[in-house]
Amino acid sequence: MNWDWGPTAGAFLGASIPAVLTYARLRAEGRQHRQDRQWIDAEVLADVQAFLTEIEPYRRTINLNQAEGAEAALWADLERRRDDVRRRLLVVGTGHPSRDVRMLAQRLAVEASNAAISCKHVVSDLLRNRDGNYMDVAKKDHEVASATAVELKAAVEIAGKPPGVLRWWFFSTGQRG
């Protein structure tokens, strides 16, 4: 029996062209989705970084304004920003496709809030000429939040990379690379 490979090859070629085009389109859409997601994450991270800079304990105490009501007005704005940053981090922590990014965003939402509250206690004590020993707590809370922000940035960068065999291996074995 003599097999004619022409029709078989034609059928495979005819079926493979749409499959390759579909695969290429899906890869391009995935890349675009990752880029869009990274822009959203970058905006949140920029707001977090700006907020953490504003509530750095030494910076806040050096720039302390002793005028009546000045610090209260500033802290009203900082508390509004704290709530906004916290809400945005919780949104990332709820809906991000990467488990690591979700976990770090949720942790940072709490840590940034703690850092702001500690810093407010330091400012309050300075305004009342009291020594509440909050500076060490505020410094530590701020350092913890800043370290988590750096971890979150790295996790966002990893999540934005295209999936590959090596990346799959790192995440399936518990490694981070």
C-alpha atoms as a PDB file:
ATOM      1  CA  MET A   1       0.000   0.000   0.000  1.00  0.00           C
ATOM      2  CA  ASN A   2       1.385   3.304  -1.067  1.00  0.00           C
ATOM      3  CA  TRP A   3       0.502   6.198   1.257  1.00  0.00           C
ATOM      4  CA  ASP A   4       0.075   9.626  -0.291  1.00  0.00           C
ATOM      5  CA  TRP A   5       1.579  12.136   2.156  1.00  0.00           C
ATOM      6  CA  GLY A   6       0.480  15.201   0.206  1.00  0.00           C
ATOM      7  CA  PRO A   7      -3.080  15.476   1.568  1.00  0.00           C
ATOM      8  CA  THR A   8      -1.889  14.602   5.093  1.00  0.00           C
ATOM      9  CA  ALA A   9       0.817  17.255   5.032  1.00  0.00           C
ATOM     10  CA  GLY A  10      -1.646  19.760   3.611  1.00  0.00           C
ATOM     11  CA  ALA A  11      -4.119  19.025   6.399  1.00  0.00           C
ATOM     12  CA  PHE A  12      -1.444  19.474   9.085  1.00  0.00           C
ATOM     13  CA  LEU A  13      -0.196  22.668   7.483  1.00  0.00           C
ATOM     14  CA  GLY A  14      -3.739  23.981   7.091  1.00  0.00           C
ATOM     15  CA  ALA A  15      -4.519  23.285  10.753  1.00  0.00           C
ATOM     16  CA  SER A  16      -1.220  24.603  12.100  1.00  0.00           C
ATOM     17  CA  ILE A  17      -1.417  28.072  10.552  1.00  0.00           C
ATOM     18  CA  PRO A  18      -4.525  29.166  12.526  1.00  0.00           C
ATOM     19  CA  ALA A  19      -3.105  27.514  15.649  1.00  0.00           C
ATOM     20  CA  VAL A  20       0.193  29.431  15.372  1.00  0.00           C
ATOM     21  CA  LEU A  21      -1.630  32.701  14.700  1.00  0.00           C
ATOM     22  CA  THR A  22      -3.949  32.142  17.655  1.00  0.00           C
ATOM     23  CA  TYR A  23      -0.983  31.322  19.903  1.00  0.00           C
ATOM     24  CA  ALA A  24       0.836  34.491  18.778  1.00  0.00           C
ATOM     25  CA  ARG A  25      -2.284  36.599  19.391  1.00  0.00           C
ATOM     26  CA  LEU A  26      -2.770  35.122  22.885  1.00  0.00           C
ATOM     27  CA  ARG A  27       0.873  35.776  23.766  1.00  0.00           C
ATOM     28  CA  ALA A  28       0.571  39.391  22.577  1.00  0.00           C
ATOM     29  CA  GLU A  29      -2.630  39.869  24.587  1.00  0.00           C
ATOM     30  CA  GLY A  30      -0.963  38.375  27.666  1.00  0.00           C
ATOM     31  CA  ARG A  31       2.014  40.705  27.268  1.00  0.00           C
ATOM     32  CA  GLN A  32      -0.311  43.707  26.904  1.00  0.00           C
ATOM     33  CA  HIS A  33      -2.293  42.643  29.971  1.00  0.00           C
ATOM     34  CA  ARG A  34       0.907  42.316  32.041  1.00  0.00           C
ATOM     35  CA  GLN A  35       2.049  45.773  30.894  1.00  0.00           C
ATOM     36  CA  ASP A  36      -1.326  47.321  31.746  1.00  0.00           C
ATOM     37  CA  ARG A  37      -1.245  45.630  35.153  1.00  0.00           C
ATOM     38  CA  GLN A  38       2.287  46.919  35.811  1.00  0.00           C
ATOM     39  CA  TRP A  39       1.207  50.516  35.112  1.00  0.00           C
ATOM     40  CA  ILE A  40      -1.614  50.179  37.630  1.00  0.00           C
ATOM     41  CA  ASP A  41       0.735  48.637  40.197  1.00  0.00           C
ATOM     42  CA  ALA A  42       3.393  51.304  39.539  1.00  0.00           C
ATOM     43  CA  GLU A  43       0.878  54.049  40.253  1.00  0.00           C
ATOM     44  CA  VAL A  44      -0.066  52.463  43.577  1.00  0.00           C
ATOM     45  CA  LEU A  45       3.589  51.903  44.503  1.00  0.00           C
ATOM     46  CA  ALA A  46       4.441  55.524  43.678  1.00  0.00           C
ATOM     47  CA  ASP A  47       1.648  56.749  45.965  1.00  0.00           C
ATOM     48  CA  VAL A  48       2.826  54.422  48.730  1.00  0.00           C
ATOM     49  CA  GLN A  49       6.421  55.615  48.382  1.00  0.00           C
ATOM     50  CA  ALA A  50       5.379  59.271  48.444  1.00  0.00           C
ATOM     51  CA  PHE A  51       3.247  58.644  51.526  1.00  0.00           C
ATOM     52  CA  LEU A  52       6.036  56.783  53.339  1.00  0.00           C
ATOM     53  CA  THR A  53       8.392  59.657  52.565  1.00  0.00           C
ATOM     54  CA  GLU A  54       5.928  62.141  54.059  1.00  0.00           C
ATOM     55  CA  ILE A  55       5.488  60.182  57.293  1.00  0.00           C
ATOM     56  CA  GLU A  56       9.160  59.372  57.861  1.00  0.00           C
ATOM     57  CA  PRO A  57       9.505  60.185  61.593  1.00  0.00           C
ATOM     58  CA  TYR A  58      12.651  62.330  61.429  1.00  0.00           C
ATOM     59  CA  ARG A  59      11.332  64.252  58.440  1.00  0.00           C
ATOM     60  CA  ARG A  60       7.995  64.912  60.157  1.00  0.00           C
ATOM     61  CA  THR A  61       9.594  66.033  63.427  1.00  0.00           C
ATOM     62  CA  ILE A  62      12.201  68.246  61.743  1.00  0.00           C
ATOM     63  CA  ASN A  63       9.454  69.966  59.744  1.00  0.00           C
ATOM     64  CA  LEU A  64       7.156  70.276  62.747  1.00  0.00           C
ATOM     65  CA  ASN A  65       5.001  73.397  62.568  1.00  0.00           C
ATOM     66  CA  GLN A  66       4.248  74.755  66.044  1.00  0.00           C
ATOM     67  CA  ALA A  67       1.604  77.211  64.817  1.00  0.00           C
ATOM     68  CA  GLU A  68      -1.872  76.649  66.241  1.00  0.00           C
ATOM     69  CA  GLY A  69      -3.768  74.112  64.132  1.00  0.00           C
ATOM     70  CA  ALA A  70      -1.075  73.751  61.449  1.00  0.00           C
ATOM     71  CA  GLU A  71      -0.175  70.173  62.324  1.00  0.00           C
ATOM     72  CA  ALA A  72      -3.827  69.224  62.754  1.00  0.00           C
ATOM     73  CA  ALA A  73      -4.545  70.381  59.194  1.00  0.00           C
ATOM     74  CA  LEU A  74      -1.496  68.560  57.873  1.00  0.00           C
ATOM     75  CA  TRP A  75      -2.440  65.374  59.691  1.00  0.00           C
ATOM     76  CA  ALA A  76      -5.999  65.564  58.393  1.00  0.00           C
ATOM     77  CA  ASP A  77      -4.534  65.450  54.882  1.00  0.00           C
ATOM     78  CA  LEU A  78      -2.049  62.704  55.818  1.00  0.00           C
ATOM     79  CA  GLU A  79      -4.828  60.597  57.332  1.00  0.00           C
ATOM     80  CA  ARG A  80      -6.891  61.014  54.167  1.00  0.00           C
ATOM     81  CA  ARG A  81      -3.887  59.896  52.127  1.00  0.00           C
ATOM     82  CA  ARG A  82      -3.248  57.020  54.543  1.00  0.00           C
ATOM     83  CA  ASP A  83      -6.796  55.781  54.038  1.00  0.00           C
ATOM     84  CA  ASP A  84      -6.499  56.154  50.255  1.00  0.00           C
ATOM     85  CA  VAL A  85      -3.154  54.301  50.136  1.00  0.00           C
ATOM     86  CA  ARG A  86      -4.516  51.598  52.418  1.00  0.00           C
ATOM     87  CA  ARG A  87      -7.620  51.139  50.256  1.00  0.00           C
ATOM     88  CA  ARG A  88      -5.591  50.985  47.036  1.00  0.00           C
ATOM     89  CA  LEU A  89      -3.179  48.448  48.552  1.00  0.00           C
ATOM     90  CA  LEU A  90      -6.118  46.339  49.695  1.00  0.00           C
ATOM     91  CA  VAL A  91      -7.547  46.413  46.156  1.00  0.00           C
ATOM     92  CA  VAL A  92      -4.186  45.159  44.833  1.00  0.00           C
ATOM     93  CA  GLY A  93      -4.111  42.666  47.695  1.00  0.00           C
ATOM     94  CA  THR A  94      -7.490  41.321  46.701  1.00  0.00           C
ATOM     95  CA  GLY A  95      -7.414  41.261  42.929  1.00  0.00           C
ATOM     96  CA  HIS A  96      -3.824  40.857  41.735  1.00  0.00           C
ATOM     97  CA  PRO A  97      -3.112  37.664  39.793  1.00  0.00           C
ATOM     98  CA  SER A  98       0.146  37.054  41.710  1.00  0.00           C
ATOM     99  CA  ARG A  99      -0.220  35.469  45.143  1.00  0.00           C
ATOM    100  CA  ASP A 100       3.025  37.093  46.326  1.00  0.00           C
ATOM    101  CA  VAL A 101       1.872  40.567  45.281  1.00  0.00           C
ATOM    102  CA  ARG A 102      -1.507  40.041  46.980  1.00  0.00           C
ATOM    103  CA  MET A 103       0.124  38.932  50.230  1.00  0.00           C
ATOM    104  CA  LEU A 104       2.675  41.781  50.287  1.00  0.00           C
ATOM    105  CA  ALA A 105       0.085  44.433  49.386  1.00  0.00           C
ATOM    106  CA  GLN A 106      -2.183  43.332  52.230  1.00  0.00           C
ATOM    107  CA  ARG A 107       0.754  43.319  54.648  1.00  0.00           C
ATOM    108  CA  LEU A 108       1.926  46.754  53.482  1.00  0.00           C
ATOM    109  CA  ALA A 109      -1.577  48.205  53.928  1.00  0.00           C
ATOM    110  CA  VAL A 110      -1.362  47.403  57.642  1.00  0.00           C
ATOM    111  CA  GLU A 111       2.294  48.356  58.065  1.00  0.00           C
ATOM    112  CA  ALA A 112       1.944  51.754  56.349  1.00  0.00           C
ATOM    113  CA  SER A 113      -1.060  52.530  58.522  1.00  0.00           C
ATOM    114  CA  ASN A 114       0.883  51.543  61.656  1.00  0.00           C
ATOM    115  CA  ALA A 115       3.810  53.719  60.581  1.00  0.00           C
ATOM    116  CA  ALA A 116       1.513  56.724  60.125  1.00  0.00           C
ATOM    117  CA  ILE A 117      -0.120  56.245  63.523  1.00  0.00           C
ATOM    118  CA  SER A 118       3.252  55.892  65.261  1.00  0.00           C
ATOM    119  CA  CYS A 119       4.544  59.016  63.558  1.00  0.00           C
ATOM    120  CA  LYS A 120       1.435  60.936  64.607  1.00  0.00           C
ATOM    121  CA  HIS A 121       2.090  59.942  68.229  1.00  0.00           C
ATOM    122  CA  VAL A 122       5.652  61.293  67.974  1.00  0.00           C
ATOM    123  CA  VAL A 123       4.416  64.602  66.554  1.00  0.00           C
ATOM    124  CA  SER A 124       1.690  64.827  69.189  1.00  0.00           C
ATOM    125  CA  ASP A 125       4.211  64.266  71.977  1.00  0.00           C
ATOM    126  CA  LEU A 126       6.548  66.914  70.590  1.00  0.00           C
ATOM    127  CA  LEU A 127       3.724  69.440  70.297  1.00  0.00           C
ATOM    128  CA  ARG A 128       2.778  68.824  73.943  1.00  0.00           C
ATOM    129  CA  ASN A 129       6.425  68.813  75.097  1.00  0.00           C
ATOM    130  CA  ARG A 130       6.075  65.264  76.347  1.00  0.00           C
ATOM    131  CA  ASP A 131       8.545  62.430  75.988  1.00  0.00           C
ATOM    132  CA  GLY A 132       6.417  59.428  75.096  1.00  0.00           C
ATOM    133  CA  ASN A 133       9.359  57.455  73.688  1.00  0.00           C
ATOM    134  CA  TYR A 134       7.437  56.870  70.478  1.00  0.00           C
ATOM    135  CA  MET A 135      10.349  57.791  68.185  1.00  0.00           C
ATOM    136  CA  ASP A 136      11.931  54.327  68.343  1.00  0.00           C
ATOM    137  CA  VAL A 137       8.583  52.657  67.659  1.00  0.00           C
ATOM    138  CA  ALA A 138       7.866  55.074  64.799  1.00  0.00           C
ATOM    139  CA  LYS A 139      11.306  54.495  63.239  1.00  0.00           C
ATOM    140  CA  LYS A 140      10.877  50.727  63.461  1.00  0.00           C
ATOM    141  CA  ASP A 141       7.333  50.811  62.040  1.00  0.00           C
ATOM    142  CA  HIS A 142       8.512  53.018  59.165  1.00  0.00           C
ATOM    143  CA  GLU A 143      11.496  50.767  58.407  1.00  0.00           C
ATOM    144  CA  VAL A 144       9.256  47.686  58.358  1.00  0.00           C
ATOM    145  CA  ALA A 145       6.786  49.367  55.978  1.00  0.00           C
ATOM    146  CA  SER A 146       9.599  50.616  53.725  1.00  0.00           C
ATOM    147  CA  ALA A 147      11.148  47.137  53.554  1.00  0.00           C
ATOM    148  CA  THR A 148       7.803  45.620  52.615  1.00  0.00           C
ATOM    149  CA  ALA A 149       7.353  48.300  49.923  1.00  0.00           C
ATOM    150  CA  VAL A 150      10.698  47.236  48.413  1.00  0.00           C
ATOM    151  CA  GLU A 151       9.599  43.582  48.513  1.00  0.00           C
ATOM    152  CA  LEU A 152       6.285  44.495  46.880  1.00  0.00           C
ATOM    153  CA  LYS A 153       8.068  46.381  44.099  1.00  0.00           C
ATOM    154  CA  ALA A 154      10.239  43.337  43.375  1.00  0.00           C
ATOM    155  CA  ALA A 155       7.201  41.030  43.401  1.00  0.00           C
ATOM    156  CA  VAL A 156       5.380  43.323  40.962  1.00  0.00           C
ATOM    157  CA  GLU A 157       8.386  43.249  38.635  1.00  0.00           C
ATOM    158  CA  ILE A 158       8.491  39.450  38.756  1.00  0.00           C
ATOM    159  CA  ALA A 159       4.741  39.214  38.167  1.00  0.00           C
ATOM    160  CA  GLY A 160       5.108  41.435  35.096  1.00  0.00           C
ATOM    161  CA  LYS A 161       7.583  39.127  33.393  1.00  0.00           C
ATOM    162  CA  PRO A 162       6.284  36.655  30.852  1.00  0.00           C
ATOM    163  CA  PRO A 163       5.868  33.127  32.139  1.00  0.00           C
ATOM    164  CA  GLY A 164       8.568  30.717  31.178  1.00  0.00           C
ATOM    165  CA  VAL A 165       9.862  27.312  32.144  1.00  0.00           C
ATOM    166  CA  LEU A 166      12.495  28.692  34.528  1.00  0.00           C
ATOM    167  CA  ARG A 167      10.023  31.070  36.186  1.00  0.00           C
ATOM    168  CA  TRP A 168       7.496  28.250  36.496  1.00  0.00           C
ATOM    169  CA  TRP A 169      10.150  26.053  38.145  1.00  0.00           C
ATOM    170  CA  PHE A 170      11.095  28.742  40.701  1.00  0.00           C
ATOM    171  CA  PHE A 171       7.498  29.302  41.749  1.00  0.00           C
ATOM    172  CA  SER A 172       6.547  25.626  41.774  1.00  0.00           C
ATOM    173  CA  THR A 173       9.498  24.774  44.041  1.00  0.00           C
ATOM    174  CA  GLY A 174       8.964  27.702  46.392  1.00  0.00           C
ATOM    175  CA  GLN A 175      12.067  29.544  45.145  1.00  0.00           C
ATOM    176  CA  ARG A 176      11.893  33.216  44.286  1.00  0.00           C
ATOM    177  CA  GLY A 177      13.976  34.420  41.417  1.00  0.00           C
END
